[in-house]
Protein backbone atom coordinates (compact mmCIF):
# COMPACT_ATOMS: atom_id res chain seq x y z
CA UNK A 1 0.00 0.00 0.00
CA UNK A 2 1.31 3.42 -0.92
CA UNK A 3 2.20 5.86 1.85
CA UNK A 4 -0.46 8.36 0.73
CA UNK A 5 -3.11 5.62 0.83
CA UNK A 6 -2.09 4.67 4.40
CA UNK A 7 -2.32 8.31 5.49
CA UNK A 8 -5.75 8.69 3.90
CA UNK A 9 -6.93 5.49 5.58
CA UNK A 10 -5.76 6.72 8.99
CA UNK A 11 -7.55 10.05 8.49
CA UNK A 12 -10.83 8.23 7.69
CA UNK A 13 -10.69 5.99 10.78
CA UNK A 14 -13.27 7.61 13.12
CA UNK A 15 -12.14 5.55 16.13
CA UNK A 16 -8.60 6.93 15.92
CA UNK A 17 -8.03 10.10 17.92
CA UNK A 18 -5.62 12.34 16.07
CA UNK A 19 -3.17 14.14 18.34
CA UNK A 20 -0.69 16.76 17.21
CA UNK A 21 2.97 15.78 17.36
CA UNK A 22 4.72 16.65 20.61
CA UNK A 23 7.90 16.06 22.56
CA UNK A 24 8.61 16.23 26.29
CA UNK A 25 12.13 17.09 27.43
CA UNK A 26 13.66 17.51 30.88
CA UNK A 27 14.87 20.87 32.15
CA UNK A 28 16.02 22.73 35.26
CA UNK A 29 14.94 26.11 36.61
CA UNK A 30 18.10 28.24 36.48
CA UNK A 31 16.86 31.72 37.41
CA UNK A 32 13.91 33.50 38.96
CA UNK A 33 13.42 36.83 37.16
CA UNK A 34 11.43 39.38 39.20
CA UNK A 35 8.98 41.53 37.28
CA UNK A 36 9.86 45.13 36.55
CA UNK A 37 6.23 46.20 37.08
CA UNK A 38 3.57 45.19 39.56
CA UNK A 39 1.13 44.39 36.75
CA UNK A 40 3.47 41.70 35.39
CA UNK A 41 4.24 38.38 37.03
CA UNK A 42 7.76 37.11 37.65
CA UNK A 43 9.35 34.77 35.13
CA UNK A 44 11.56 31.71 35.39
CA UNK A 45 14.38 30.76 33.08
CA UNK A 46 14.49 27.04 32.33
CA UNK A 47 17.56 25.35 30.86
CA UNK A 48 16.51 22.54 28.52
CA UNK A 49 18.71 19.47 28.97
CA UNK A 50 20.40 18.35 25.74
CA UNK A 51 19.53 21.44 23.68
CA UNK A 52 22.23 23.35 21.83
CA UNK A 53 23.49 26.58 23.39
CA UNK A 54 21.42 28.86 21.12
CA UNK A 55 18.06 27.36 22.10
CA UNK A 56 18.82 26.04 25.56
CA UNK A 57 17.01 28.65 27.67
CA UNK A 58 13.26 29.16 27.84
CA UNK A 59 11.51 31.90 29.83
CA UNK A 60 7.92 31.52 31.02
CA UNK A 61 5.69 33.25 33.55
CA UNK A 62 5.97 31.73 37.00
CA UNK A 63 2.20 31.39 37.44
CA UNK A 64 1.29 27.72 37.46
CA UNK A 65 -1.58 25.65 38.78
CA UNK A 66 -1.28 22.22 40.41
CA UNK A 67 -3.66 19.27 39.99
CA UNK A 68 -5.89 20.64 42.80
CA UNK A 69 -6.27 24.06 41.14
CA UNK A 70 -3.98 25.81 43.64
CA UNK A 71 -1.50 28.46 42.48
CA UNK A 72 2.13 27.30 42.65
CA UNK A 73 5.51 28.76 41.72
CA UNK A 74 8.69 27.14 40.53
CA UNK A 75 11.85 27.51 42.60
CA UNK A 76 15.46 27.75 41.47
CA UNK A 77 16.93 24.30 40.90
CA UNK A 78 13.56 22.59 40.38
CA UNK A 79 13.50 19.77 37.83
CA UNK A 80 10.74 20.21 35.26
CA UNK A 81 9.43 18.56 32.11
CA UNK A 82 8.72 20.85 29.15
CA UNK A 83 6.25 19.65 26.51
CA UNK A 84 6.27 21.25 23.07
CA UNK A 85 3.23 20.55 20.89
CA UNK A 86 2.75 21.48 17.22
CA UNK A 87 -0.48 23.36 16.48
CA UNK A 88 -0.89 22.57 12.79
CA UNK A 89 1.62 20.32 11.07
CA UNK A 90 -0.01 20.67 7.64
CA UNK A 91 0.42 24.44 7.45
CA UNK A 92 3.63 25.63 5.85
CA UNK A 93 4.92 29.20 5.71
């Protein structure tokens, strides 16, 4: 069966739940960056393990929610898992 036929068959299978491609990688919180304004929340800098030096650091807001719905914050040195998910793999720029 040709590759395009297999792809078409998978797309037609109603029982199959299509999920966008994703990857989860380990990281470590390296810095806590205080906000410069009260209206902004502090940020954390996460070093992604195994990434090259140009794309190793990621900065996100330090406003997270745990499984109980409580607000939590990351601390320096915390081990984290970062998941990157593609929105639309068929769209090309």
